[in-house]
């Protein structure tokens, strides 16, 4: 097999966890319209069915840091695929709210594991000049999984076959389990375990150049020795120490804003929102397919731009686009328009603008930046902790939104998210460092010395004024 094809398979199988993640989070939006025909659900139980996955994701993310350091990145991805299979089969055969919520929780454990270990795995395998694009491959496959879920919902909507909608998630889980068995372990994890010869072999295979592989291995070993000399167990006190607190706060704010800008309300509840303004079930799910396609297509330019323009410009423009979309949706919903073509067009236009803005920015950039921010010796555990909170914030939005939608209507909720997207813009502008074009070891040294990791190229981008990147 040619070396280029071998490398391509590493990225594909490593990121295939993203398809599972996307499918299992996206499929519930259409399935929920039909689950209620077989299983009685109150607004609270509806929120629990959706958020059961997210509670499991919190547990999976919380366990992933320690497990990925002890088991290895590759072995943990294999374990996650097994958890996906178990949870998916259980949820598809559920007979009542309790069993459905329980197995959605099991699926969530697999999602939480994948959300930590897959970007970690790809970050540690990617060369620094391509790291953003290759790591954001996982986010692309998350959007592919969501799109496939929406298409599946649409194709099965006529029969109301929600059990098949959920159960077909077994297929990508099985492909991931078989595929990851053929892939290498992270060279950075191998160095941490003293398996330097194996790390050299993997790097030579990845880079196709023994000399370049040797230089990268030496850099990894230097960082490992420095961190080992300084290392102490990762505790909350250590993360809040003056040395690490700035990095931890930035990581936490990044995951906070990614969830509270409102993406989960669109991904999980778009068909519900559309039926509330007069769409039939079939029309709402067909519109959802278009949303999923747009989400997937707009992630493609992000994969190219993230390493050319940088992380910050994408986040800044994405936040402005999402804010404009939420204002449009709020005004449309609060204006008192009756059901009709104008309301439908404005609502779909606002959702499309929002999805496009998120998919080209906040969707992929968070998962690229989180592993870049933390020092190698605590990277897995710190990313795991941040992702645990990511799923906590995700769960809060998913659990509360149906009740708030029922109590207040969509317009007030959209106004709230317009405000949070504006705050997200200010966070990126004032606090977030640029990490484009830097090795993980260089970023680590700059951040731990209290200097922002800003490449020379960023000086030409007037992000503080909100101007377009050159």
Protein backbone atom coordinates (compact mmCIF):
# COMPACT_ATOMS: atom_id res chain seq x y z
CA UNK A 1 0.00 0.00 0.00
CA UNK A 2 1.48 3.44 -0.97
CA UNK A 3 2.69 5.60 1.93
CA UNK A 4 0.28 8.43 1.04
CA UNK A 5 -2.70 6.05 1.20
CA UNK A 6 -1.49 4.68 4.54
CA UNK A 7 -1.34 8.20 5.95
CA UNK A 8 -4.79 8.98 4.56
CA UNK A 9 -6.22 5.94 6.33
CA UNK A 10 -4.70 7.12 9.62
CA UNK A 11 -6.63 10.38 9.41
CA UNK A 12 -9.83 8.73 8.18
CA UNK A 13 -9.97 5.97 10.79
CA UNK A 14 -8.70 8.27 13.52
CA UNK A 15 -11.44 10.78 12.77
CA UNK A 16 -14.19 8.22 12.09
CA UNK A 17 -15.22 8.64 15.70
CA UNK A 18 -16.52 12.01 14.55
CA UNK A 19 -19.10 10.33 12.30
CA UNK A 20 -20.37 8.31 15.26
CA UNK A 21 -20.49 11.40 17.42
CA UNK A 22 -22.36 13.36 14.75
CA UNK A 23 -24.78 10.56 13.90
CA UNK A 24 -25.78 9.80 17.48
CA UNK A 25 -26.23 13.47 18.40
CA UNK A 26 -28.01 14.40 15.16
CA UNK A 27 -30.35 11.45 14.69
CA UNK A 28 -32.42 12.25 17.77
CA UNK A 29 -33.78 15.49 16.26
CA UNK A 30 -35.85 13.65 13.66
CA UNK A 31 -36.42 10.51 15.71
CA UNK A 32 -37.97 12.56 18.50
CA UNK A 33 -40.96 13.43 16.30
CA UNK A 34 -41.86 9.72 16.16
CA UNK A 35 -40.61 8.38 19.51
CA UNK A 36 -43.48 10.30 21.10
CA UNK A 37 -45.96 8.13 19.16
CA UNK A 38 -44.71 4.98 20.94
CA UNK A 39 -43.36 6.32 24.23
CA UNK A 40 -45.19 9.03 26.20
CA UNK A 41 -42.83 11.97 26.75
CA UNK A 42 -43.42 15.20 28.66
CA UNK A 43 -41.25 18.24 27.78
CA UNK A 44 -39.00 17.26 30.72
CA UNK A 45 -38.68 13.63 29.55
CA UNK A 46 -38.01 14.87 26.01
CA UNK A 47 -35.15 16.95 27.38
CA UNK A 48 -33.87 13.94 29.34
CA UNK A 49 -33.85 11.70 26.24
CA UNK A 50 -31.68 14.26 24.44
CA UNK A 51 -29.53 15.17 27.43
CA UNK A 52 -29.09 11.55 28.60
CA UNK A 53 -26.45 11.25 25.90
CA UNK A 54 -24.80 14.42 27.17
CA UNK A 55 -24.63 13.21 30.78
CA UNK A 56 -22.93 10.06 29.50
CA UNK A 57 -20.60 12.22 27.44
CA UNK A 58 -19.57 14.04 30.61
CA UNK A 59 -18.63 10.72 32.22
CA UNK A 60 -16.81 9.52 29.12
CA UNK A 61 -14.88 12.76 28.80
CA UNK A 62 -14.01 12.74 32.51
CA UNK A 63 -12.57 9.21 32.26
CA UNK A 64 -10.75 9.78 28.98
CA UNK A 65 -7.75 11.74 30.21
CA UNK A 66 -6.55 9.09 32.65
CA UNK A 67 -7.51 6.18 30.39
CA UNK A 68 -5.80 7.61 27.30
CA UNK A 69 -2.60 8.12 29.28
CA UNK A 70 -2.65 4.55 30.63
CA UNK A 71 -4.19 2.58 27.75
CA UNK A 72 -3.01 4.70 24.81
CA UNK A 73 -5.00 6.80 22.35
CA UNK A 74 -5.60 4.02 19.80
CA UNK A 75 -6.82 1.41 22.29
CA UNK A 76 -9.25 3.86 23.86
CA UNK A 77 -10.75 4.72 20.46
CA UNK A 78 -11.33 0.98 19.98
CA UNK A 79 -13.07 0.80 23.38
CA UNK A 80 -15.26 3.77 22.47
CA UNK A 81 -16.50 1.99 19.34
CA UNK A 82 -17.59 -0.99 21.48
CA UNK A 83 -19.50 1.33 23.81
CA UNK A 84 -21.21 2.93 20.80
CA UNK A 85 -22.38 -0.48 19.56
CA UNK A 86 -23.79 -1.51 22.95
CA UNK A 87 -25.63 1.76 23.54
CA UNK A 88 -27.01 2.01 20.00
CA UNK A 89 -28.50 -1.48 20.03
CA UNK A 90 -30.01 -0.92 23.49
CA UNK A 91 -31.60 2.43 22.54
CA UNK A 92 -33.07 1.05 19.33
CA UNK A 93 -34.90 -1.69 21.28
CA UNK A 94 -36.01 0.54 24.19
CA UNK A 95 -39.59 0.00 25.38
CA UNK A 96 -40.01 2.98 27.71
CA UNK A 97 -38.51 6.31 28.75
CA UNK A 98 -36.21 4.77 31.39
CA UNK A 99 -34.51 2.28 29.05
CA UNK A 100 -34.27 4.83 26.23
CA UNK A 101 -32.64 7.41 28.51
CA UNK A 102 -30.32 4.74 30.00
CA UNK A 103 -28.99 3.58 26.63
CA UNK A 104 -28.71 7.13 25.35
CA UNK A 105 -26.49 7.61 28.41
CA UNK A 106 -24.36 4.62 27.32
CA UNK A 107 -24.04 6.06 23.81
CA UNK A 108 -22.97 9.31 25.45
CA UNK A 109 -20.07 7.61 27.22
CA UNK A 110 -18.73 6.62 23.79
CA UNK A 111 -19.32 10.13 22.46
CA UNK A 112 -17.49 11.66 25.43
CA UNK A 113 -14.51 9.36 24.98
CA UNK A 114 -14.36 10.12 21.25
CA UNK A 115 -14.62 13.87 21.84
CA UNK A 116 -11.44 13.80 23.94
CA UNK A 117 -9.26 11.10 22.47
CA UNK A 118 -9.91 11.56 18.73
CA UNK A 119 -8.75 15.22 18.52
CA UNK A 120 -5.90 14.34 20.90
CA UNK A 121 -4.86 11.44 18.65
CA UNK A 122 -5.00 13.51 15.47
CA UNK A 123 -3.22 16.49 17.05
CA UNK A 124 -0.33 14.29 18.16
CA UNK A 125 0.02 12.59 14.78
CA UNK A 126 -0.27 15.66 12.54
CA UNK A 127 2.73 17.74 11.28
CA UNK A 128 2.57 21.26 12.67
CA UNK A 129 1.97 23.02 9.33
CA UNK A 130 -1.12 20.86 8.67
CA UNK A 131 -2.27 20.27 12.24
CA UNK A 132 -5.29 22.56 12.12
CA UNK A 133 -6.69 21.13 8.90
CA UNK A 134 -6.07 17.50 9.82
CA UNK A 135 -7.41 17.85 13.34
CA UNK A 136 -10.50 19.63 12.04
CA UNK A 137 -11.08 16.56 9.85
CA UNK A 138 -12.83 15.14 12.90
CA UNK A 139 -15.21 18.11 12.98
CA UNK A 140 -15.90 17.60 9.27
CA UNK A 141 -16.82 13.99 9.98
CA UNK A 142 -19.01 15.11 12.89
CA UNK A 143 -20.95 17.19 10.36
CA UNK A 144 -20.96 14.23 7.94
CA UNK A 145 -22.43 12.10 10.73
CA UNK A 146 -25.09 14.72 11.47
CA UNK A 147 -25.96 14.96 7.76
CA UNK A 148 -26.19 11.19 7.39
CA UNK A 149 -28.43 11.12 10.46
CA UNK A 150 -30.73 13.77 8.97
CA UNK A 151 -30.92 11.92 5.64
CA UNK A 152 -31.69 8.68 7.49
CA UNK A 153 -34.41 10.46 9.47
CA UNK A 154 -35.92 11.75 6.22
CA UNK A 155 -35.82 8.39 4.42
CA UNK A 156 -37.45 6.60 7.36
CA UNK A 157 -39.88 9.38 8.31
CA UNK A 158 -42.68 8.00 6.15
CA UNK A 159 -42.70 4.80 8.19
CA UNK A 160 -42.01 6.60 11.47
CA UNK A 161 -39.22 4.03 11.99
CA UNK A 162 -37.34 5.75 14.80
CA UNK A 163 -35.82 2.46 16.01
CA UNK A 164 -34.07 2.00 12.67
CA UNK A 165 -33.02 5.65 12.69
CA UNK A 166 -31.11 5.05 15.94
CA UNK A 167 -30.02 1.44 15.25
CA UNK A 168 -28.23 2.13 11.98
CA UNK A 169 -25.54 3.90 14.02
CA UNK A 170 -24.07 0.42 14.59
CA UNK A 171 -22.59 0.45 11.07
CA UNK A 172 -20.01 3.28 11.47
CA UNK A 173 -19.19 1.96 14.96
CA UNK A 174 -18.26 -1.43 13.51
CA UNK A 175 -16.18 0.19 10.73
CA UNK A 176 -14.31 2.25 13.32
CA UNK A 177 -13.60 -0.83 15.47
CA UNK A 178 -12.14 -2.73 12.54
CA UNK A 179 -10.28 0.21 11.03
CA UNK A 180 -8.52 1.52 14.13
CA UNK A 181 -6.94 -1.92 14.66
CA UNK A 182 -4.74 -1.24 11.60
CA UNK A 183 -3.54 2.22 12.71
CA UNK A 184 -0.46 3.30 14.72
CA UNK A 185 -0.31 4.63 18.27
CA UNK A 186 0.46 8.29 18.98
CA UNK A 187 4.25 8.87 18.87
CA UNK A 188 4.00 11.35 21.75
CA UNK A 189 2.27 8.74 23.92
CA UNK A 190 4.93 6.16 22.95
CA UNK A 191 7.72 8.55 23.98
CA UNK A 192 5.97 9.13 27.31
CA UNK A 193 6.00 5.36 27.87
CA UNK A 194 9.69 5.04 26.99
CA UNK A 195 8.98 3.29 23.66
CA UNK A 196 11.20 5.58 21.60
CA UNK A 197 12.02 3.11 18.82
CA UNK A 198 8.31 2.56 18.14
CA UNK A 199 7.76 6.32 18.13
CA UNK A 200 10.56 6.76 15.58
CA UNK A 201 9.00 4.11 13.34
CA UNK A 202 5.59 5.79 13.49
CA UNK A 203 7.01 9.26 12.78
CA UNK A 204 9.05 7.98 9.85
CA UNK A 205 5.92 6.37 8.43
CA UNK A 206 3.92 9.56 8.94
CA UNK A 207 6.47 12.04 7.62
CA UNK A 208 8.09 9.84 4.94
CA UNK A 209 11.51 11.25 5.88
CA UNK A 210 13.75 9.65 8.48
CA UNK A 211 15.65 12.90 9.05
CA UNK A 212 12.53 14.97 9.68
CA UNK A 213 11.18 12.19 11.89
CA UNK A 214 14.39 12.19 13.93
CA UNK A 215 14.24 15.97 14.45
CA UNK A 216 10.60 15.83 15.55
CA UNK A 217 11.34 12.92 17.87
CA UNK A 218 14.18 14.87 19.49
CA UNK A 219 11.84 17.84 20.05
CA UNK A 220 9.22 15.59 21.64
CA UNK A 221 11.85 13.97 23.88
CA UNK A 222 13.13 17.37 25.04
CA UNK A 223 9.62 18.48 25.95
CA UNK A 224 9.01 15.16 27.70
CA UNK A 225 12.17 15.47 29.81
CA UNK A 226 11.36 19.06 30.77
CA UNK A 227 7.80 18.22 31.76
CA UNK A 228 8.85 15.07 33.62
CA UNK A 229 11.31 17.09 35.68
CA UNK A 230 8.61 19.60 36.55
CA UNK A 231 5.65 17.22 36.69
CA UNK A 232 3.31 16.73 39.59
CA UNK A 233 -0.17 15.13 39.65
CA UNK A 234 -2.81 17.15 37.82
CA UNK A 235 -5.14 18.64 40.42
CA UNK A 236 -7.61 21.50 40.37
CA UNK A 237 -5.21 23.44 42.63
CA UNK A 238 -2.44 22.98 40.08
CA UNK A 239 -4.66 24.06 37.18
CA UNK A 240 -5.59 27.17 39.16
CA UNK A 241 -1.96 27.97 40.03
CA UNK A 242 -0.55 31.23 38.60
CA UNK A 243 1.44 29.17 36.08
CA UNK A 244 -1.45 27.27 34.52
CA UNK A 245 -4.51 29.34 35.43
CA UNK A 246 -4.46 31.58 32.30
CA UNK A 247 -4.39 28.53 30.01
CA UNK A 248 -7.12 26.73 31.96
CA UNK A 249 -9.41 29.78 32.02
CA UNK A 250 -9.01 30.25 28.25
CA UNK A 251 -9.81 26.58 27.64
CA UNK A 252 -12.88 26.70 29.86
CA UNK A 253 -14.21 29.89 28.28
CA UNK A 254 -13.69 28.40 24.84
CA UNK A 255 -15.94 25.41 25.62
CA UNK A 256 -18.43 27.59 27.53
CA UNK A 257 -19.01 29.92 24.61
CA UNK A 258 -19.08 27.15 22.01
CA UNK A 259 -22.13 25.70 23.77
CA UNK A 260 -23.89 28.87 24.89
CA UNK A 261 -23.89 30.45 21.45
CA UNK A 262 -26.92 28.22 20.77
CA UNK A 263 -25.72 25.55 18.34
CA UNK A 264 -27.36 22.74 20.34
CA UNK A 265 -30.80 24.31 20.00
CA UNK A 266 -30.45 24.10 16.22
CA UNK A 267 -28.86 20.62 16.00
CA UNK A 268 -31.22 18.94 18.46
CA UNK A 269 -34.46 20.85 18.02
CA UNK A 270 -34.59 22.33 14.48
CA UNK A 271 -37.49 20.05 13.39
CA UNK A 272 -39.38 20.95 16.57
CA UNK A 273 -38.83 24.68 15.92
CA UNK A 274 -39.98 24.29 12.31
CA UNK A 275 -43.13 22.32 13.20
CA UNK A 276 -43.97 25.08 15.70
CA UNK A 277 -44.12 27.63 12.84
CA UNK A 278 -46.32 25.48 10.63
CA UNK A 279 -44.11 22.89 8.90
CA UNK A 280 -45.37 19.31 8.70
CA UNK A 281 -43.16 16.53 10.06
CA UNK A 282 -41.91 15.54 6.59
CA UNK A 283 -41.19 19.13 5.58
CA UNK A 284 -39.38 19.87 8.85
CA UNK A 285 -37.13 16.83 8.46
CA UNK A 286 -36.43 17.67 4.78
CA UNK A 287 -35.44 21.20 5.84
CA UNK A 288 -33.24 19.58 8.48
CA UNK A 289 -31.43 17.64 5.73
CA UNK A 290 -30.61 20.96 4.08
CA UNK A 291 -29.30 22.28 7.41
CA UNK A 292 -27.09 19.22 7.78
CA UNK A 293 -25.76 19.56 4.23
CA UNK A 294 -24.89 23.22 4.78
CA UNK A 295 -23.21 22.36 8.09
CA UNK A 296 -21.05 19.78 6.33
CA UNK A 297 -20.17 21.89 3.29
CA UNK A 298 -19.19 24.98 5.31
CA UNK A 299 -16.75 22.91 7.37
CA UNK A 300 -14.68 22.26 4.22
CA UNK A 301 -13.39 25.84 3.78
CA UNK A 302 -12.71 25.96 7.52
CA UNK A 303 -10.25 23.06 7.15
CA UNK A 304 -8.28 25.12 4.63
CA UNK A 305 -8.59 28.53 6.26
CA UNK A 306 -7.68 27.42 9.79
CA UNK A 307 -4.02 26.94 8.86
CA UNK A 308 -3.89 29.85 6.37
CA UNK A 309 -5.73 32.64 8.20
CA UNK A 310 -5.42 31.40 11.76
CA UNK A 311 -7.80 30.39 14.53
CA UNK A 312 -8.76 33.84 15.84
CA UNK A 313 -10.01 35.48 12.60
CA UNK A 314 -12.33 32.52 11.97
CA UNK A 315 -13.74 32.69 15.50
CA UNK A 316 -14.25 36.46 15.33
CA UNK A 317 -16.13 36.45 12.03
CA UNK A 318 -18.05 33.35 13.01
CA UNK A 319 -19.29 35.00 16.21
CA UNK A 320 -20.48 38.07 14.29
CA UNK A 321 -22.33 35.90 11.76
CA UNK A 322 -24.03 33.88 14.50
CA UNK A 323 -25.03 37.05 16.35
CA UNK A 324 -26.64 38.49 13.20
CA UNK A 325 -28.48 35.21 12.60
CA UNK A 326 -29.84 35.05 16.16
CA UNK A 327 -31.03 38.67 15.95
CA UNK A 328 -32.83 37.85 12.68
CA UNK A 329 -34.47 34.77 14.23
CA UNK A 330 -35.48 36.70 17.34
CA UNK A 331 -37.01 39.59 15.37
CA UNK A 332 -38.81 37.16 13.06
CA UNK A 333 -40.31 35.22 15.96
CA UNK A 334 -41.24 38.27 18.05
CA UNK A 335 -42.73 40.31 15.20
CA UNK A 336 -46.07 38.49 15.22
CA UNK A 337 -45.87 37.25 11.63
CA UNK A 338 -48.61 34.73 10.91
CA UNK A 339 -47.83 31.32 9.47
CA UNK A 340 -46.87 31.67 5.85
CA UNK A 341 -44.12 31.89 3.26
CA UNK A 342 -42.43 34.99 4.71
CA UNK A 343 -42.10 33.50 8.19
CA UNK A 344 -40.77 30.24 6.74
CA UNK A 345 -38.20 31.98 4.49
CA UNK A 346 -36.91 34.29 7.23
CA UNK A 347 -36.66 31.44 9.75
CA UNK A 348 -34.84 29.12 7.36
CA UNK A 349 -32.59 32.00 6.27
CA UNK A 350 -31.65 32.78 9.87
CA UNK A 351 -30.93 29.13 10.62
CA UNK A 352 -28.83 28.83 7.44
CA UNK A 353 -26.77 31.92 8.29
CA UNK A 354 -26.25 30.64 11.81
CA UNK A 355 -25.18 27.14 10.72
CA UNK A 356 -22.81 28.48 8.05
CA UNK A 357 -21.18 30.88 10.53
CA UNK A 358 -20.75 28.18 13.19
CA UNK A 359 -19.52 25.48 10.80
CA UNK A 360 -16.72 27.62 9.38
CA UNK A 361 -15.51 28.78 12.78
CA UNK A 362 -16.53 27.63 16.24
CA UNK A 363 -17.38 24.12 15.13
CA UNK A 364 -13.88 22.99 14.09
CA UNK A 365 -11.68 25.55 15.85
CA UNK A 366 -12.45 24.51 19.44
CA UNK A 367 -11.36 20.93 18.81
CA UNK A 368 -8.15 22.09 17.12
CA UNK A 369 -7.22 24.59 19.82
CA UNK A 370 -7.95 22.67 23.03
CA UNK A 371 -5.11 20.12 22.63
CA UNK A 372 -2.81 22.93 21.44
CA UNK A 373 -3.20 25.00 24.60
CA UNK A 374 -2.03 22.60 27.31
CA UNK A 375 1.47 21.26 28.16
CA UNK A 376 2.16 17.70 27.00
CA UNK A 377 2.38 16.10 30.47
CA UNK A 378 -1.11 17.29 31.41
CA UNK A 379 -2.58 17.59 27.92
CA UNK A 380 -4.82 14.52 28.01
CA UNK A 381 -6.12 15.15 31.54
CA UNK A 382 -6.63 18.89 31.03
CA UNK A 383 -8.37 18.46 27.69
CA UNK A 384 -10.50 15.74 29.27
CA UNK A 385 -11.55 18.12 32.05
CA UNK A 386 -12.40 20.91 29.61
CA UNK A 387 -14.39 18.52 27.42
CA UNK A 388 -16.22 17.22 30.50
CA UNK A 389 -17.41 20.78 31.09
CA UNK A 390 -18.16 21.06 27.36
CA UNK A 391 -20.68 18.26 27.73
CA UNK A 392 -22.02 19.73 30.98
CA UNK A 393 -22.75 23.03 29.23
CA UNK A 394 -24.17 21.10 26.25
CA UNK A 395 -26.45 19.12 28.60
CA UNK A 396 -27.73 22.25 30.35
CA UNK A 397 -28.79 23.80 27.05
CA UNK A 398 -30.36 20.57 25.74
CA UNK A 399 -32.21 19.82 28.99
CA UNK A 400 -33.58 23.31 29.61
CA UNK A 401 -34.39 24.44 26.07
CA UNK A 402 -37.64 22.40 25.53
CA UNK A 403 -39.12 23.82 28.74
CA UNK A 404 -37.99 27.38 27.92
CA UNK A 405 -39.33 27.01 24.38
CA UNK A 406 -42.68 25.89 25.81
CA UNK A 407 -42.77 28.68 28.42
CA UNK A 408 -41.36 31.69 26.54
CA UNK A 409 -41.38 30.83 22.86
CA UNK A 410 -38.38 30.83 20.53
CA UNK A 411 -37.89 34.60 20.20
CA UNK A 412 -36.70 35.33 23.75
CA UNK A 413 -34.33 32.36 23.62
CA UNK A 414 -32.84 33.62 20.36
CA UNK A 415 -32.26 37.05 21.93
CA UNK A 416 -30.35 35.39 24.77
CA UNK A 417 -28.12 33.54 22.32
CA UNK A 418 -27.53 36.75 20.35
CA UNK A 419 -26.09 38.22 23.54
CA UNK A 420 -23.86 35.21 24.22
CA UNK A 421 -22.44 35.28 20.67
CA UNK A 422 -21.49 38.93 21.20
CA UNK A 423 -19.72 37.99 24.45
CA UNK A 424 -17.95 35.18 22.56
CA UNK A 425 -16.62 37.75 20.08
CA UNK A 426 -15.20 39.85 22.93
CA UNK A 427 -13.58 36.79 24.55
CA UNK A 428 -11.74 35.87 21.35
CA UNK A 429 -10.70 39.46 20.72
CA UNK A 430 -9.34 40.09 24.21
CA UNK A 431 -8.13 36.77 25.68
CA UNK A 432 -7.60 33.99 23.14
CA UNK A 433 -4.03 33.39 21.88
CA UNK A 434 -3.26 32.49 18.26
CA UNK A 435 -1.66 29.05 17.83
CA UNK A 436 -1.37 28.83 14.03
CA UNK A 437 1.90 27.51 12.64
CA UNK A 438 3.53 26.68 15.98
CA UNK A 439 4.71 23.28 17.17
CA UNK A 440 2.95 21.98 20.27
CA UNK A 441 6.22 22.28 22.15
CA UNK A 442 6.68 25.95 21.13
CA UNK A 443 3.12 26.81 22.17
CA UNK A 444 3.72 25.06 25.47
CA UNK A 445 6.87 27.01 26.26
CA UNK A 446 5.32 30.38 25.38
CA UNK A 447 2.11 29.81 27.33
CA UNK A 448 3.90 28.56 30.43
CA UNK A 449 6.17 31.61 30.38
CA UNK A 450 3.08 33.81 30.29
CA UNK A 451 3.60 34.94 26.69
CA UNK A 452 0.77 34.57 24.14
CA UNK A 453 1.57 32.13 21.35
CA UNK A 454 1.27 34.53 18.45
CA UNK A 455 3.09 33.83 15.17
CA UNK A 456 4.58 36.69 13.22
CA UNK A 457 1.89 36.40 10.56
CA UNK A 458 -0.80 37.36 13.04
CA UNK A 459 0.65 40.85 13.42
CA UNK A 460 -0.74 41.72 10.00
CA UNK A 461 -4.26 40.71 11.03
CA UNK A 462 -5.97 43.63 12.84
CA UNK A 463 -8.27 41.38 14.87
CA UNK A 464 -8.62 43.93 17.63
CA UNK A 465 -10.53 46.20 15.27
CA UNK A 466 -12.64 43.40 13.83
CA UNK A 467 -11.18 43.98 10.37
CA UNK A 468 -11.13 41.18 7.84
CA UNK A 469 -8.02 38.99 7.80
CA UNK A 470 -5.68 39.56 4.90
